[in-house]
Amino acid sequence: MSDQDLDLHSVPSATDTAVGISRRSLLKGAAGILAAGTFPAIHAQDRIVLRYLGTAVNQDKAIADKFKADTGIEIQYIPVTTDDVTKRAVTAPNSFDLLDTEYFSLKKIVPTGNLKGIDARRIKHADKITPLFTKGEVGGKKVGDQGTAPKKVMFLEGEKSKKFATTNTGYITLIPTTYNADTLGIRPDLIKRPVTSWADLLNPEFKGRAAILNIPSIGIMDAAMVIEAMGLYRYPDKGNMTRQEIDLTIKTLIEAKRAGQFRSLWKDFNESVNLMASGEVVIQSMWSPAVTKVRSQGIACVYQPLKEGYRAWASGFGVPSTLSGRKLDAAYEFINWFLDGWAGAHLNRQGYYSAVLETAKAYMEPYEWAYWMEGKPAEKDIKAPDGTIIEKAGSVRDGGSYEERMGAIACWNAVMDENNYMVQKWNEFVAA
């Protein structure tokens, strides 16, 4: 992600300032603030630092800088791998103040009691969070919920509960940060024919020029999408396979690997960008910002919509159960600030989607919103947050509008009941 942003709305309005004051009163105490009617000075003894645990790709310096400028509260990023986010949440909840994790990790974290139910009454825009998370709907229609669909794990029975609730209790596990529907990235200039199916990832036509994501719980979902597309098997739930289904999936991958199908099994965002930009790989598992990164280098790269649909994922902010006092108030302030629109617009410009669409829209130019969210041709050049032109005027976003893309979800990233067995078998594929 970028360290800068070209947002034209970064100067707070009088309303924004008033909201900032009311929130800051939680941290400062009402005395003096109400009387002064101005921003209180940030004194050294009032310095608050929120330790933010998550993966590096979700830790954006521009967001931390903007939040500090607006509130005086510092964000201290703690970057670790996806697996280590979960391990720290389970084993060391005192080592962070904010958790940024994927929804699929909640089945491991919530039973420990280390996650505090976020009180919706303290979240200004709680009722505006997209119904994709609260109801599993886009545009009033249900989307695929195989795997760990957020709606299955969105609420706790109470603030200190270790159990998920089946209805909206007002205690939220995670507040959505970024989410998207993933598909295959392709180099259309090197493939030179339409790609319409997940099955093409294992098409011998691309022998030695394909790549798959080497994160077991996600890579195996991509593989399952391919196997269904090839007509080999239909999974009752791709996100929760039986041992026999895992065996079938890994056997198919090993056969493809031994036949020389894969140029690489990648783990790192930058690795996926380099493979695609160099032309070593022409079709692979990919993330939307990686496609954007390749395009920003002037190289043709498409996040290809496929007829079988998308594999979706979602991350969110959680609060450790040990957090209290001023730190807890500061965590709520950050979450509220994050949903107010600036951060959402910043993330939307990178190809992600944000939790509260209407506040993000207020911080985007109409032509940006039309391109990123409505699937309309760009009226002007589209720029990344760092000012790089990533799409020329007239371009249309891959996958079309928000409703077209998110409405075509087939499954969600998940942790299976047979996760340990799956990882063991995945390692056999990697070693094959």
Protein backbone atom coordinates (compact mmCIF):
# COMPACT_ATOMS: atom_id res chain seq x y z
CA MET A 1 0.00 0.00 0.00
CA SER A 2 0.98 3.58 -0.49
CA ASP A 3 2.29 6.09 2.01
CA GLN A 4 0.48 9.02 0.44
CA ASP A 5 -3.00 9.90 -0.68
CA LEU A 6 -4.34 12.47 -3.08
CA ASP A 7 -7.62 12.84 -1.17
CA LEU A 8 -9.05 16.31 -1.72
CA HIS A 9 -11.21 16.05 1.39
CA SER A 10 -8.45 15.64 3.96
CA VAL A 11 -9.15 19.00 5.65
CA PRO A 12 -11.74 18.34 8.39
CA SER A 13 -15.00 20.22 8.22
CA ALA A 14 -16.56 21.98 11.19
CA THR A 15 -18.75 18.93 11.68
CA ASP A 16 -15.75 16.59 11.59
CA THR A 17 -14.02 18.77 14.16
CA ALA A 18 -17.01 18.67 16.43
CA VAL A 19 -17.18 14.89 16.18
CA GLY A 20 -13.45 14.72 16.94
CA ILE A 21 -13.94 16.82 20.07
CA SER A 22 -16.81 14.70 21.35
CA ARG A 23 -14.78 11.52 20.87
CA ARG A 24 -11.68 12.99 22.38
CA SER A 25 -13.66 13.82 25.50
CA LEU A 26 -13.73 10.09 26.19
CA LEU A 27 -9.97 10.19 26.50
CA LYS A 28 -9.40 13.61 28.04
CA GLY A 29 -12.30 13.98 30.40
CA ALA A 30 -14.98 16.59 29.84
CA ALA A 31 -13.37 19.32 31.96
CA GLY A 32 -11.89 22.06 29.85
CA ILE A 33 -12.93 20.62 26.50
CA LEU A 34 -16.55 21.71 26.67
CA ALA A 35 -15.60 25.09 28.03
CA ALA A 36 -12.86 25.74 25.48
CA GLY A 37 -14.78 24.56 22.43
CA THR A 38 -11.47 23.88 20.68
CA PHE A 39 -9.10 20.97 20.22
CA PRO A 40 -7.25 20.28 23.49
CA ALA A 41 -3.47 20.29 23.29
CA ILE A 42 -1.91 16.86 23.11
CA HIS A 43 0.40 16.81 26.10
CA ALA A 44 3.24 14.35 26.47
CA GLN A 45 1.58 12.69 29.45
CA ASP A 46 -1.57 12.12 27.38
CA ARG A 47 0.26 10.28 24.60
CA ILE A 48 -1.62 7.15 23.66
CA VAL A 49 -0.11 4.48 21.44
CA LEU A 50 -2.30 1.69 20.03
CA ARG A 51 -0.38 -1.46 19.19
CA TYR A 52 -1.96 -2.73 15.95
CA LEU A 53 -1.36 -6.43 15.22
CA GLY A 54 -1.93 -7.63 11.66
CA THR A 55 -0.34 -8.53 8.35
CA ALA A 56 1.91 -5.99 6.66
CA VAL A 57 -0.38 -5.65 3.62
CA ASN A 58 -3.15 -4.21 5.84
CA GLN A 59 -0.86 -1.82 7.75
CA ASP A 60 -0.94 1.43 5.83
CA LYS A 61 1.31 4.28 6.93
CA ALA A 62 -0.99 6.86 5.35
CA ILE A 63 -3.87 5.69 7.56
CA ALA A 64 -1.76 5.80 10.73
CA ASP A 65 -0.43 9.27 9.84
CA LYS A 66 -3.89 10.65 9.06
CA PHE A 67 -5.37 9.21 12.27
CA LYS A 68 -2.59 10.74 14.36
CA ALA A 69 -3.03 14.10 12.64
CA ASP A 70 -6.78 14.02 13.35
CA THR A 71 -6.68 12.68 16.93
CA GLY A 72 -3.15 12.78 18.34
CA ILE A 73 -3.30 9.02 18.93
CA GLU A 74 -0.41 6.98 17.55
CA ILE A 75 -0.71 3.66 15.75
CA GLN A 76 2.23 1.31 16.27
CA TYR A 77 2.10 -1.41 13.63
CA ILE A 78 3.14 -4.96 14.54
CA PRO A 79 3.46 -6.82 11.21
CA VAL A 80 3.33 -10.63 11.31
CA THR A 81 2.15 -13.43 8.99
CA THR A 82 -1.51 -14.44 8.70
CA ASP A 83 -0.90 -17.55 10.83
CA ASP A 84 1.04 -15.59 13.46
CA VAL A 85 -1.80 -13.07 13.82
CA THR A 86 -4.00 -15.95 14.98
CA LYS A 87 -1.27 -17.45 17.20
CA ARG A 88 -0.68 -14.12 18.98
CA ALA A 89 -4.41 -13.58 19.45
CA VAL A 90 -4.72 -17.02 21.04
CA THR A 91 -1.54 -17.04 23.15
CA ALA A 92 -0.63 -13.41 23.88
CA PRO A 93 -3.70 -11.14 23.97
CA ASN A 94 -1.83 -8.62 26.15
CA SER A 95 0.73 -7.99 23.38
CA PHE A 96 -1.57 -5.79 21.25
CA ASP A 97 -4.43 -3.30 21.55
CA LEU A 98 -6.07 -3.73 18.13
CA LEU A 99 -6.33 -6.94 16.15
CA ASP A 100 -6.67 -6.93 12.36
CA THR A 101 -7.47 -10.48 11.34
CA GLU A 102 -9.51 -12.45 8.83
CA TYR A 103 -12.97 -13.65 9.78
CA PHE A 104 -11.97 -17.27 9.24
CA SER A 105 -9.55 -17.04 12.19
CA LEU A 106 -12.40 -16.34 14.62
CA LYS A 107 -13.24 -20.01 15.04
CA LYS A 108 -9.83 -20.40 16.67
CA ILE A 109 -9.77 -17.12 18.62
CA VAL A 110 -13.30 -16.75 20.03
CA PRO A 111 -13.34 -20.01 22.08
CA THR A 112 -10.30 -18.75 24.04
CA GLY A 113 -12.27 -15.79 25.39
CA ASN A 114 -9.49 -13.44 24.24
CA LEU A 115 -11.79 -11.31 22.08
CA LYS A 116 -14.07 -8.67 23.55
CA GLY A 117 -17.49 -8.25 21.97
CA ILE A 118 -17.47 -4.76 20.39
CA ASP A 119 -20.45 -2.82 21.73
CA ALA A 120 -22.43 -1.63 18.69
CA ARG A 121 -23.84 1.23 20.79
CA ARG A 122 -20.35 2.77 20.81
CA ILE A 123 -19.94 2.47 17.01
CA LYS A 124 -21.43 5.52 15.29
CA HIS A 125 -22.03 3.81 11.93
CA ALA A 126 -22.76 0.28 13.19
CA ASP A 127 -26.17 0.24 11.49
CA LYS A 128 -24.58 1.25 8.16
CA ILE A 129 -22.12 -1.65 7.92
CA THR A 130 -22.79 -3.40 4.62
CA PRO A 131 -25.43 -6.18 4.86
CA LEU A 132 -22.93 -8.52 3.21
CA PHE A 133 -21.55 -8.95 6.74
CA THR A 134 -24.68 -8.77 8.85
CA LYS A 135 -27.09 -10.67 6.57
CA GLY A 136 -24.98 -12.27 3.83
CA GLU A 137 -26.74 -10.17 1.21
CA VAL A 138 -25.72 -7.88 -1.66
CA GLY A 139 -28.38 -5.80 -3.34
CA GLY A 140 -31.04 -7.66 -1.37
CA LYS A 141 -29.91 -11.07 -2.68
CA LYS A 142 -28.13 -13.85 -0.75
CA VAL A 143 -24.58 -14.67 -1.80
CA GLY A 144 -22.67 -17.96 -1.51
CA ASP A 145 -21.78 -18.80 2.09
CA GLN A 146 -19.57 -21.90 1.81
CA GLY A 147 -16.58 -21.53 4.13
CA THR A 148 -16.53 -18.92 6.90
CA ALA A 149 -19.01 -16.37 5.63
CA PRO A 150 -18.80 -13.35 7.97
CA LYS A 151 -22.51 -13.52 8.78
CA LYS A 152 -21.85 -16.87 10.52
CA VAL A 153 -19.31 -15.36 12.93
CA MET A 154 -20.29 -11.68 13.08
CA PHE A 155 -21.85 -11.58 16.55
CA LEU A 156 -21.11 -12.90 20.04
CA GLU A 157 -23.73 -13.87 22.61
CA GLY A 158 -22.37 -11.13 24.91
CA GLU A 159 -19.38 -8.88 25.49
CA LYS A 160 -17.42 -11.64 27.25
CA SER A 161 -18.90 -14.61 25.41
CA LYS A 162 -16.87 -17.45 23.91
CA LYS A 163 -19.73 -18.39 21.58
CA PHE A 164 -21.01 -17.00 18.30
CA ALA A 165 -24.59 -15.75 18.20
CA THR A 166 -26.99 -16.67 15.39
CA THR A 167 -28.71 -13.27 15.58
CA ASN A 168 -27.60 -9.65 15.94
CA THR A 169 -26.95 -9.27 19.68
CA GLY A 170 -25.23 -5.87 19.42
CA TYR A 171 -21.86 -7.43 20.33
CA ILE A 172 -19.69 -7.61 17.23
CA THR A 173 -16.65 -9.88 16.81
CA LEU A 174 -14.87 -7.81 14.17
CA ILE A 175 -15.64 -4.49 12.49
CA PRO A 176 -14.90 -4.96 8.75
CA THR A 177 -11.72 -3.27 7.50
CA THR A 178 -11.04 -4.62 4.01
CA TYR A 179 -12.72 -7.31 1.96
CA ASN A 180 -12.89 -8.45 -1.61
CA ALA A 181 -13.82 -11.27 -3.92
CA ASP A 182 -10.73 -12.95 -5.34
CA THR A 183 -10.26 -14.53 -8.71
CA LEU A 184 -7.36 -15.38 -11.02
CA GLY A 185 -4.97 -12.77 -12.33
CA ILE A 186 -3.99 -13.12 -15.99
CA ARG A 187 -1.70 -11.48 -18.54
CA PRO A 188 -4.11 -10.99 -21.48
CA ASP A 189 -1.29 -9.75 -23.75
CA LEU A 190 0.53 -13.07 -23.32
CA ILE A 191 -2.49 -15.42 -23.25
CA LYS A 192 -4.26 -13.86 -26.26
CA ARG A 193 -7.57 -15.67 -25.78
CA PRO A 194 -10.53 -15.28 -23.42
CA VAL A 195 -10.19 -16.89 -19.99
CA THR A 196 -13.60 -17.62 -18.49
CA SER A 197 -13.12 -20.51 -16.03
CA TRP A 198 -11.10 -21.42 -12.95
CA ALA A 199 -10.26 -24.64 -14.83
CA ASP A 200 -7.67 -22.71 -16.85
CA LEU A 201 -5.31 -22.63 -13.86
CA LEU A 202 -4.58 -26.31 -14.52
CA ASN A 203 -4.92 -26.12 -18.31
CA PRO A 204 -1.79 -27.77 -19.83
CA GLU A 205 -1.73 -24.86 -22.29
CA PHE A 206 -0.17 -22.84 -19.46
CA LYS A 207 2.30 -25.50 -18.33
CA GLY A 208 5.21 -23.89 -16.49
CA ARG A 209 3.52 -20.48 -16.58
CA ALA A 210 0.90 -20.90 -13.82
CA ALA A 211 1.23 -20.22 -10.10
CA ILE A 212 -0.88 -20.86 -7.00
CA LEU A 213 -0.94 -19.25 -3.58
CA ASN A 214 1.08 -21.19 -1.00
CA ILE A 215 -1.06 -20.38 2.04
CA PRO A 216 -2.74 -23.76 2.68
CA SER A 217 -6.18 -22.62 3.88
CA ILE A 218 -6.53 -20.25 0.90
CA GLY A 219 -4.64 -22.17 -1.78
CA ILE A 220 -6.78 -25.25 -1.26
CA MET A 221 -9.92 -23.17 -1.82
CA ASP A 222 -8.54 -21.97 -5.16
CA ALA A 223 -7.77 -25.59 -5.99
CA ALA A 224 -11.33 -26.60 -5.09
CA MET A 225 -12.72 -23.91 -7.40
CA VAL A 226 -10.55 -25.38 -10.18
CA ILE A 227 -11.58 -28.99 -9.48
CA GLU A 228 -15.28 -28.09 -9.57
CA ALA A 229 -14.76 -26.09 -12.76
CA MET A 230 -13.04 -29.10 -14.36
CA GLY A 231 -16.07 -31.23 -13.48
CA LEU A 232 -14.03 -33.62 -11.32
CA TYR A 233 -16.05 -33.22 -8.12
CA ARG A 234 -18.64 -30.96 -6.47
CA TYR A 235 -17.94 -30.11 -2.82
CA PRO A 236 -20.82 -29.75 -0.33
CA ASP A 237 -18.64 -27.09 1.37
CA LYS A 238 -15.29 -26.13 -0.14
CA GLY A 239 -14.45 -24.42 3.15
CA ASN A 240 -14.89 -27.52 5.27
CA MET A 241 -13.69 -30.60 3.38
CA THR A 242 -13.70 -34.17 4.59
CA ARG A 243 -10.39 -36.08 4.62
CA GLN A 244 -11.43 -37.84 1.43
CA GLU A 245 -12.11 -34.50 -0.27
CA ILE A 246 -8.76 -33.13 0.91
CA ASP A 247 -7.03 -36.23 -0.49
CA LEU A 248 -8.74 -35.77 -3.87
CA THR A 249 -7.82 -32.08 -4.01
CA ILE A 250 -4.16 -32.59 -3.08
CA LYS A 251 -3.82 -35.58 -5.43
CA THR A 252 -4.99 -33.37 -8.30
CA LEU A 253 -2.52 -30.63 -7.36
CA ILE A 254 0.41 -33.06 -7.02
CA GLU A 255 -0.32 -34.56 -10.45
CA ALA A 256 -0.35 -31.05 -11.97
CA LYS A 257 2.85 -30.08 -10.20
CA ARG A 258 4.70 -33.20 -11.32
CA ALA A 259 3.55 -32.50 -14.87
CA GLY A 260 5.30 -29.11 -14.61
CA GLN A 261 2.17 -26.95 -14.44
CA PHE A 262 3.42 -24.53 -11.76
CA ARG A 263 6.21 -22.02 -12.23
CA SER A 264 5.88 -21.05 -8.59
CA LEU A 265 3.98 -21.51 -5.34
CA TRP A 266 4.03 -17.98 -3.96
CA LYS A 267 3.55 -16.72 -0.41
CA ASP A 268 4.48 -13.06 -0.66
CA PHE A 269 2.49 -10.21 -2.23
CA ASN A 270 5.57 -8.78 -3.96
CA GLU A 271 6.52 -12.21 -5.28
CA SER A 272 3.14 -12.49 -7.01
CA VAL A 273 3.64 -9.03 -8.54
CA ASN A 274 7.12 -9.87 -9.82
CA LEU A 275 6.04 -13.20 -11.31
CA MET A 276 3.28 -11.50 -13.26
CA ALA A 277 5.18 -8.35 -14.25
CA SER A 278 8.13 -10.36 -15.56
CA GLY A 279 5.86 -12.55 -17.69
CA GLU A 280 7.24 -15.73 -16.08
CA VAL A 281 3.65 -16.42 -15.07
CA VAL A 282 0.57 -15.65 -17.18
CA ILE A 283 -2.18 -17.05 -14.92
CA GLN A 284 -2.18 -17.39 -11.14
CA SER A 285 -3.89 -16.93 -7.80
CA MET A 286 -3.72 -13.21 -7.18
CA TRP A 287 -4.91 -10.39 -4.93
CA SER A 288 -6.58 -7.29 -6.29
CA PRO A 289 -3.91 -4.79 -5.07
CA ALA A 290 -1.23 -6.97 -6.70
CA VAL A 291 -3.02 -6.65 -10.03
CA THR A 292 -3.18 -2.89 -9.47
CA LYS A 293 0.56 -2.86 -8.72
CA VAL A 294 1.37 -4.67 -11.99
CA ARG A 295 -0.85 -2.27 -13.93
CA SER A 296 0.83 0.73 -12.31
CA GLN A 297 4.03 -0.44 -14.05
CA GLY A 298 2.28 -0.09 -17.41
CA ILE A 299 1.89 -3.85 -17.83
CA ALA A 300 -1.37 -5.47 -18.94
CA CYS A 301 -2.87 -7.48 -16.09
CA VAL A 302 -6.52 -8.41 -15.51
CA TYR A 303 -8.32 -9.60 -12.40
CA GLN A 304 -10.41 -11.94 -14.48
CA PRO A 305 -14.11 -12.52 -13.67
CA LEU A 306 -14.86 -16.24 -14.05
CA LYS A 307 -18.17 -17.97 -14.67
CA GLU A 308 -17.98 -20.06 -11.48
CA GLY A 309 -17.76 -16.96 -9.28
CA TYR A 310 -15.33 -15.63 -6.71
CA ARG A 311 -13.57 -16.80 -3.55
CA ALA A 312 -14.20 -14.05 -1.02
CA TRP A 313 -12.30 -12.96 2.06
CA ALA A 314 -12.72 -10.32 4.74
CA SER A 315 -10.65 -8.80 7.51
CA GLY A 316 -11.80 -6.85 10.52
CA PHE A 317 -10.78 -5.03 13.69
CA GLY A 318 -11.06 -6.90 16.96
CA VAL A 319 -10.39 -5.77 20.51
CA PRO A 320 -8.65 -8.02 23.04
CA SER A 321 -10.73 -8.86 26.11
CA THR A 322 -7.96 -7.50 28.36
CA LEU A 323 -8.23 -3.95 26.97
CA SER A 324 -9.75 -1.35 29.31
CA GLY A 325 -9.74 2.31 30.29
CA ARG A 326 -8.15 4.93 28.04
CA LYS A 327 -6.70 2.31 25.70
CA LEU A 328 -10.14 0.82 25.14
CA ASP A 329 -11.61 4.27 24.54
CA ALA A 330 -8.80 4.98 22.06
CA ALA A 331 -9.51 1.69 20.25
CA TYR A 332 -13.17 2.71 19.89
CA GLU A 333 -12.05 6.13 18.65
CA PHE A 334 -9.89 4.53 15.99
CA ILE A 335 -12.67 2.20 14.81
CA ASN A 336 -15.12 5.10 14.61
CA TRP A 337 -12.58 7.23 12.76
CA PHE A 338 -11.91 4.34 10.37
CA LEU A 339 -15.61 4.07 9.49
CA ASP A 340 -16.01 7.83 9.01
CA GLY A 341 -14.95 7.69 5.36
CA TRP A 342 -11.37 8.88 4.81
CA ALA A 343 -9.85 5.44 5.37
CA GLY A 344 -12.62 3.74 3.40
CA ALA A 345 -12.01 5.98 0.38
CA HIS A 346 -8.25 5.41 0.66
CA LEU A 347 -8.78 1.63 0.59
CA ASN A 348 -11.40 1.75 -2.18
CA ARG A 349 -8.82 3.45 -4.40
CA GLN A 350 -6.62 0.38 -4.01
CA GLY A 351 -9.25 -2.05 -5.20
CA TYR A 352 -10.53 -3.10 -1.78
CA TYR A 353 -14.05 -2.51 -0.50
CA SER A 354 -14.89 -0.69 2.73
CA ALA A 355 -17.35 -1.47 5.51
CA VAL A 356 -19.55 1.63 5.31
CA LEU A 357 -19.94 2.54 1.67
CA GLU A 358 -21.79 5.84 2.05
CA THR A 359 -19.13 7.50 4.24
CA ALA A 360 -16.34 6.42 1.87
CA LYS A 361 -18.33 7.83 -1.06
CA ALA A 362 -18.29 11.28 0.56
CA TYR A 363 -14.47 11.26 0.42
CA MET A 364 -14.21 10.21 -3.24
CA GLU A 365 -14.66 12.25 -6.39
CA PRO A 366 -17.84 11.26 -8.30
CA TYR A 367 -15.79 9.87 -11.21
CA GLU A 368 -13.73 7.73 -8.79
CA TRP A 369 -16.84 6.30 -7.16
CA ALA A 370 -18.42 5.61 -10.55
CA TYR A 371 -15.32 3.69 -11.66
CA TRP A 372 -14.50 1.74 -8.50
CA MET A 373 -17.98 1.01 -7.18
CA GLU A 374 -20.48 1.33 -10.03
CA GLY A 375 -18.51 -0.36 -12.80
CA LYS A 376 -18.80 2.67 -15.08
CA PRO A 377 -16.14 3.77 -17.60
CA ALA A 378 -13.65 6.16 -16.00
CA GLU A 379 -14.40 9.77 -16.93
CA LYS A 380 -10.82 10.73 -16.03
CA ASP A 381 -7.55 8.88 -15.45
CA ILE A 382 -7.79 6.72 -12.31
CA LYS A 383 -4.98 7.17 -9.82
CA ALA A 384 -3.67 5.00 -7.00
CA PRO A 385 -3.36 6.70 -3.59
CA ASP A 386 0.28 7.60 -4.37
CA GLY A 387 -0.77 9.48 -7.50
CA THR A 388 0.30 6.81 -9.98
CA ILE A 389 -2.07 6.53 -12.94
CA ILE A 390 -3.36 2.97 -12.94
CA GLU A 391 -6.21 3.26 -15.44
CA LYS A 392 -6.68 5.61 -18.37
CA ALA A 393 -9.94 7.45 -18.95
CA GLY A 394 -12.48 5.13 -20.55
CA SER A 395 -11.36 2.00 -18.65
CA VAL A 396 -13.86 -0.19 -16.81
CA ARG A 397 -13.04 -2.00 -13.57
CA ASP A 398 -12.49 -5.77 -13.80
CA GLY A 399 -15.59 -7.52 -12.50
CA GLY A 400 -17.79 -4.47 -12.93
CA SER A 401 -19.75 -2.93 -10.08
CA TYR A 402 -19.70 -3.75 -6.37
CA GLU A 403 -22.99 -5.61 -6.72
CA GLU A 404 -21.79 -7.59 -9.74
CA ARG A 405 -18.58 -8.71 -8.08
CA MET A 406 -19.64 -9.23 -4.47
CA GLY A 407 -22.95 -10.64 -5.64
CA ALA A 408 -21.08 -13.47 -7.42
CA ILE A 409 -19.34 -14.92 -4.35
CA ALA A 410 -19.14 -18.72 -4.46
CA CYS A 411 -17.27 -19.34 -1.18
CA TRP A 412 -15.29 -17.65 1.62
CA ASN A 413 -11.84 -18.25 3.04
CA ALA A 414 -12.12 -20.68 5.94
CA VAL A 415 -10.36 -22.84 8.51
CA MET A 416 -11.57 -26.42 8.16
CA ASP A 417 -12.43 -28.82 10.98
CA GLU A 418 -9.75 -31.05 9.43
CA ASN A 419 -7.27 -28.17 9.23
CA ASN A 420 -4.30 -30.06 10.70
CA TYR A 421 -4.76 -32.91 8.25
CA MET A 422 -5.23 -30.45 5.38
CA VAL A 423 -1.98 -28.63 6.22
CA GLN A 424 -0.13 -31.94 6.41
CA LYS A 425 -1.41 -32.93 2.97
CA TRP A 426 -0.73 -29.44 1.54
CA ASN A 427 2.88 -29.79 2.71
CA GLU A 428 3.07 -33.05 0.77
CA PHE A 429 2.00 -31.10 -2.34
CA VAL A 430 4.66 -28.43 -1.70
CA ALA A 431 7.34 -31.11 -1.25
CA ALA A 432 6.23 -33.21 -4.25
